[in-house]
Protein backbone atom coordinates (compact mmCIF):
# COMPACT_ATOMS: atom_id res chain seq x y z
CA UNK A 1 -14.79 24.25 2.70
CA UNK A 2 -11.85 21.58 2.13
CA UNK A 3 -12.74 18.06 2.95
CA UNK A 4 -10.01 15.89 4.87
CA UNK A 5 -10.53 12.52 3.95
CA UNK A 6 -9.60 10.50 6.97
CA UNK A 7 -9.56 6.97 7.14
CA UNK A 8 -10.80 6.27 10.60
CA UNK A 9 -14.26 5.19 9.42
CA UNK A 10 -13.04 3.12 6.99
CA UNK A 11 -10.51 1.15 9.45
CA UNK A 12 -13.23 0.31 11.85
CA UNK A 13 -15.18 -0.97 9.38
CA UNK A 14 -12.84 -3.22 8.08
CA UNK A 15 -12.16 -4.45 11.85
CA UNK A 16 -15.57 -5.09 12.25
CA UNK A 17 -16.02 -7.03 8.63
CA UNK A 18 -12.82 -9.07 9.25
CA UNK A 19 -13.31 -10.32 12.48
CA UNK A 20 -16.60 -11.07 11.92
CA UNK A 21 -15.37 -13.32 9.11
CA UNK A 22 -12.80 -15.00 10.93
CA UNK A 23 -15.12 -15.63 14.35
CA UNK A 24 -17.67 -17.09 11.54
CA UNK A 25 -15.66 -19.44 10.21
CA UNK A 26 -13.89 -20.11 13.42
CA UNK A 27 -10.39 -19.37 11.59
CA UNK A 28 -7.00 -19.26 13.31
CA UNK A 29 -5.15 -17.38 10.69
CA UNK A 30 -1.39 -17.00 10.86
CA UNK A 31 0.91 -14.34 8.84
CA UNK A 32 4.58 -15.63 8.54
CA UNK A 33 6.80 -12.58 8.42
CA UNK A 34 10.53 -12.73 7.46
CA UNK A 35 12.76 -9.69 8.79
CA UNK A 36 16.57 -9.38 8.23
CA UNK A 37 18.12 -7.72 11.16
CA UNK A 38 16.57 -4.85 13.73
CA UNK A 39 16.22 -1.97 11.49
CA UNK A 40 14.61 0.37 13.52
CA UNK A 41 11.86 1.58 10.38
CA UNK A 42 11.23 -2.15 9.96
CA UNK A 43 10.64 -2.93 13.67
CA UNK A 44 8.25 0.29 13.76
CA UNK A 45 6.50 -1.37 10.59
CA UNK A 46 6.30 -4.57 12.37
CA UNK A 47 5.02 -3.71 15.62
CA UNK A 48 2.11 -1.68 13.25
CA UNK A 49 1.35 -5.23 11.44
CA UNK A 50 1.27 -6.95 15.25
CA UNK A 51 -1.13 -4.25 16.44
CA UNK A 52 -3.82 -4.62 13.65
CA UNK A 53 -3.33 -8.57 13.53
CA UNK A 54 -4.04 -8.42 17.65
CA UNK A 55 -7.54 -6.71 16.79
CA UNK A 56 -8.20 -9.11 14.48
CA UNK A 57 -6.89 -12.10 16.47
CA UNK A 58 -4.39 -13.09 13.77
CA UNK A 59 -0.96 -14.58 14.95
CA UNK A 60 2.24 -12.93 13.56
CA UNK A 61 5.06 -15.29 13.45
CA UNK A 62 8.12 -13.28 12.97
CA UNK A 63 11.26 -15.07 11.40
CA UNK A 64 14.19 -12.65 12.44
CA UNK A 65 17.36 -13.88 10.04
CA UNK A 66 20.54 -12.09 10.04
CA UNK A 67 21.53 -9.76 7.39
CA UNK A 68 24.22 -12.25 6.14
CA UNK A 69 21.98 -14.96 6.42
CA UNK A 70 22.84 -17.33 3.14
CA UNK A 71 20.54 -17.41 0.09
CA UNK A 72 19.85 -20.78 0.54
CA UNK A 73 18.83 -20.65 3.94
CA UNK A 74 16.35 -17.89 3.17
CA UNK A 75 14.97 -19.79 0.11
CA UNK A 76 14.37 -22.94 2.23
CA UNK A 77 12.44 -20.89 4.92
CA UNK A 78 10.30 -19.64 2.07
CA UNK A 79 9.86 -23.04 0.95
CA UNK A 80 8.80 -24.32 4.35
CA UNK A 81 6.18 -21.48 4.46
CA UNK A 82 4.55 -22.26 1.18
CA UNK A 83 4.31 -26.05 2.30
CA UNK A 84 3.08 -25.18 5.46
CA UNK A 85 -0.89 -24.95 5.12
CA UNK A 86 -1.77 -23.28 8.72
CA UNK A 87 0.23 -20.58 7.41
CA UNK A 88 -2.10 -17.76 5.32
CA UNK A 89 0.65 -15.60 3.92
CA UNK A 90 4.16 -14.41 4.00
CA UNK A 91 5.65 -10.69 4.15
CA UNK A 92 9.37 -10.53 3.39
CA UNK A 93 10.45 -7.00 4.51
CA UNK A 94 12.23 -4.79 2.06
CA UNK A 95 14.98 -3.96 1.18
CA UNK A 96 16.52 -7.37 1.12
CA UNK A 97 20.05 -7.69 1.93
CA UNK A 98 22.38 -6.75 -0.87
CA UNK A 99 23.73 -10.29 -1.56
CA UNK A 100 20.37 -11.96 -2.17
CA UNK A 101 18.83 -12.12 -5.48
CA UNK A 102 15.36 -10.32 -5.05
CA UNK A 103 14.44 -11.95 -8.18
CA UNK A 104 14.83 -15.57 -7.01
CA UNK A 105 13.35 -14.83 -3.93
CA UNK A 106 10.33 -13.40 -5.47
CA UNK A 107 9.92 -16.47 -7.87
CA UNK A 108 10.48 -18.78 -4.75
CA UNK A 109 7.32 -17.21 -2.81
CA UNK A 110 3.97 -19.18 -3.66
CA UNK A 111 1.59 -17.06 -5.54
CA UNK A 112 -1.19 -18.27 -3.09
CA UNK A 113 0.79 -16.75 0.06
CA UNK A 114 2.08 -13.83 -1.61
CA UNK A 115 0.26 -11.18 0.11
CA UNK A 116 2.33 -8.13 -0.62
CA UNK A 117 2.32 -9.16 -4.53
CA UNK A 118 5.90 -9.62 -4.95
CA UNK A 119 5.95 -12.75 -6.93
CA UNK A 120 5.86 -12.20 -10.94
CA UNK A 121 2.95 -14.45 -11.66
CA UNK A 122 0.73 -12.14 -9.32
CA UNK A 123 2.24 -8.87 -10.73
CA UNK A 124 1.82 -10.28 -14.09
CA UNK A 125 -1.99 -10.67 -13.48
CA UNK A 126 -2.31 -6.99 -12.13
CA UNK A 127 -0.49 -5.59 -15.51
CA UNK A 128 -2.99 -7.64 -17.71
CA UNK A 129 -5.48 -6.04 -15.97
CA UNK A 130 -6.71 -8.77 -13.56
CA UNK A 131 -7.07 -7.12 -10.05
CA UNK A 132 -9.26 -9.73 -8.67
CA UNK A 133 -6.38 -11.24 -6.75
CA UNK A 134 -3.22 -9.91 -4.63
CA UNK A 135 -2.61 -6.23 -5.69
CA UNK A 136 0.07 -4.08 -4.13
CA UNK A 137 -1.71 -2.57 -1.12
CA UNK A 138 -0.66 1.14 -1.13
CA UNK A 139 -2.44 1.55 -4.40
CA UNK A 140 -5.51 -0.51 -3.41
CA UNK A 141 -5.82 1.20 0.13
CA UNK A 142 -5.67 4.65 -2.04
CA UNK A 143 -8.86 3.83 -4.18
CA UNK A 144 -10.47 2.49 -1.47
CA UNK A 145 -10.37 5.54 0.38
CA UNK A 146 -11.61 7.84 -2.55
CA UNK A 147 -14.30 5.30 -3.32
CA UNK A 148 -15.42 5.13 0.33
CA UNK A 149 -15.23 8.85 0.68
CA UNK A 150 -17.79 8.86 -1.86
CA UNK A 151 -15.81 9.55 -5.14
CA UNK A 152 -16.20 7.63 -8.07
CA UNK A 153 -13.27 7.49 -10.50
CA UNK A 154 -15.60 6.33 -13.64
CA UNK A 155 -14.72 8.52 -16.41
CA UNK A 156 -12.39 11.06 -14.49
CA UNK A 157 -9.14 12.36 -15.30
CA UNK A 158 -6.93 10.63 -12.72
CA UNK A 159 -3.06 12.02 -12.50
CA UNK A 160 -0.65 9.83 -10.64
CA UNK A 161 2.86 11.09 -9.71
CA UNK A 162 5.00 7.88 -9.23
CA UNK A 163 5.76 5.44 -11.94
CA UNK A 164 7.23 2.43 -9.75
CA UNK A 165 6.09 -1.24 -9.69
CA UNK A 166 4.61 -1.09 -6.28
CA UNK A 167 2.80 2.13 -6.91
CA UNK A 168 2.31 4.39 -9.94
CA UNK A 169 2.06 0.98 -12.43
CA UNK A 170 -0.26 -1.09 -10.17
CA UNK A 171 -2.43 2.01 -9.19
CA UNK A 172 -2.73 2.57 -13.08
CA UNK A 173 -4.25 -0.68 -13.98
CA UNK A 174 -6.57 -0.08 -10.94
CA UNK A 175 -7.95 2.75 -12.49
CA UNK A 176 -7.95 1.63 -15.74
CA UNK A 177 -9.89 -1.15 -14.67
CA UNK A 178 -12.47 1.30 -13.03
CA UNK A 179 -12.55 3.11 -16.55
CA UNK A 180 -10.91 6.19 -15.48
CA UNK A 181 -8.43 8.33 -17.67
CA UNK A 182 -5.14 7.77 -16.49
CA UNK A 183 -1.72 9.81 -16.62
CA UNK A 184 1.66 8.86 -14.86
CA UNK A 185 3.92 11.23 -14.23
CA UNK A 186 7.57 10.83 -13.05
CA UNK A 187 10.75 12.52 -12.72
CA UNK A 188 10.96 13.49 -16.16
CA UNK A 189 7.51 14.69 -16.81
CA UNK A 190 7.58 18.58 -17.79
CA UNK A 191 5.28 20.81 -16.49
CA UNK A 192 3.76 18.88 -13.70
CA UNK A 193 1.41 21.44 -12.53
CA UNK A 194 -0.15 21.25 -16.00
CA UNK A 195 -1.01 17.88 -15.61
CA UNK A 196 -2.18 18.03 -11.85
CA UNK A 197 -4.10 21.15 -12.64
CA UNK A 198 -6.06 19.30 -15.29
CA UNK A 199 -6.85 16.54 -13.05
CA UNK A 200 -9.97 15.56 -11.60
CA UNK A 201 -7.87 13.49 -8.94
CA UNK A 202 -4.30 13.38 -8.02
CA UNK A 203 -2.47 10.44 -6.65
CA UNK A 204 0.98 11.43 -5.45
CA UNK A 205 3.50 9.16 -4.10
CA UNK A 206 6.96 10.99 -4.55
CA UNK A 207 8.37 10.90 -0.78
CA UNK A 208 9.06 14.56 -0.97
CA UNK A 209 7.54 16.11 2.26
CA UNK A 210 4.96 18.80 1.90
CA UNK A 211 6.48 19.71 -1.53
CA UNK A 212 2.97 20.05 -3.20
CA UNK A 213 1.40 23.52 -2.52
CA UNK A 214 -2.02 24.99 -3.82
CA UNK A 215 -0.35 26.11 -7.33
CA UNK A 216 -0.37 22.44 -8.05
CA UNK A 217 -4.27 22.20 -7.86
CA UNK A 218 -7.45 24.32 -8.53
CA UNK A 219 -10.63 24.29 -6.70
CA UNK A 220 -12.14 21.22 -7.13
CA UNK A 221 -8.93 18.97 -7.20
CA UNK A 222 -9.28 16.03 -4.89
CA UNK A 223 -5.40 14.90 -3.68
CA UNK A 224 -4.84 11.23 -2.30
CA UNK A 225 -1.52 11.46 -0.43
CA UNK A 226 0.72 7.93 -0.49
CA UNK A 227 3.60 9.70 0.06
CA UNK A 228 5.59 9.38 3.45
CA UNK A 229 8.76 11.14 4.26
CA UNK A 230 10.66 13.38 6.91
CA UNK A 231 9.73 17.27 6.90
CA UNK A 232 12.32 19.90 7.77
CA UNK A 233 11.62 19.37 11.39
CA UNK A 234 12.07 15.48 11.21
CA UNK A 235 7.95 14.64 11.51
CA UNK A 236 6.46 11.78 8.98
CA UNK A 237 4.60 13.58 6.34
CA UNK A 238 2.93 13.21 2.97
CA UNK A 239 3.70 15.00 -0.22
CA UNK A 240 0.96 17.66 0.46
CA UNK A 241 1.83 20.92 1.83
CA UNK A 242 -1.58 20.94 3.76
CA UNK A 243 -1.83 23.85 5.07
CA UNK A 244 -1.56 25.86 2.13
CA UNK A 245 -4.62 23.95 0.45
CA UNK A 246 -6.99 24.49 2.98
CA UNK A 247 -10.17 26.28 1.36
CA UNK A 248 -8.23 26.16 -1.97
CA UNK A 249 -9.34 22.54 -3.30
CA UNK A 250 -11.98 20.22 -2.58
CA UNK A 251 -10.33 17.72 -0.61
CA UNK A 252 -7.27 15.56 0.41
CA UNK A 253 -6.37 12.69 2.35
CA UNK A 254 -4.00 13.22 5.38
CA UNK A 255 -0.59 11.65 6.49
CA UNK A 256 -0.57 10.47 9.01
CA UNK A 257 -4.40 9.38 9.00
CA UNK A 258 -5.14 8.59 5.52
CA UNK A 259 -4.36 5.75 3.48
CA UNK A 260 -1.69 4.41 5.85
CA UNK A 261 -4.26 3.33 8.37
CA UNK A 262 -6.03 0.85 6.37
CA UNK A 263 -2.63 -0.39 4.29
CA UNK A 264 -2.25 -3.07 7.36
CA UNK A 265 -5.71 -4.27 7.23
CA UNK A 266 -5.81 -4.82 3.54
CA UNK A 267 -2.51 -6.73 4.14
CA UNK A 268 -4.24 -8.85 7.00
CA UNK A 269 -7.42 -9.42 4.71
CA UNK A 270 -5.35 -11.13 2.34
CA UNK A 271 -4.07 -13.78 4.65
CA UNK A 272 -7.78 -14.38 5.85
CA UNK A 273 -8.50 -14.84 2.06
CA UNK A 274 -6.16 -17.78 2.07
CA UNK A 275 -7.92 -20.16 4.41
């Protein structure tokens, strides 16, 4: 029978552990958020963060700026957050308005409050193999889900279907640090099925709903699905066509109910770590 790697128990354990850390040290953690405009997707993401934060007793301060806010104003706000020791982290919603210089924004974020790992200093640490600090959250959550489900990546062949700087590349560095053999696949990869069928573990973040069926895997395959996009019915789903692999692979993580459920908690853990 194919295992469904749900993250409910992991999320519950994280909540208990993080609440315990806050209560023992009598902390009053605060997360500062910068949001541009009121895009429905951003508002939904914000509600999810607030819901998780409320469980832990973390305050979320939202700075809502207009989409045409001047770059100088945004940079000054970031500097203000950097200098306020009561604030344990800064999260800037992306994508940024087009007139803002993303490189300049990222360079201005204090590395010690860069909970989303956008500062080039924190990225450089990850790419040099140092995963002890801030790491992009989806890759961190993906590996945590796999390991907490009883799977070790040591010596395993891992295929990643994504080569972005926020998922594929940092995920590769995490897996390499844990002694996995890693293959990165992307839009120009030939014979994708050849790679995925030969892998022990497959991590996918294509953003193409239900596009991977049983023909991409073998009976021992374990898939961690980081993808999220709307399917033909308009429902948010992962890259895997889950009903096609039931009974045909070892295990997979569902969407929703898998990686996404613990990502916000890891974000808030970074806030707690500041104090």
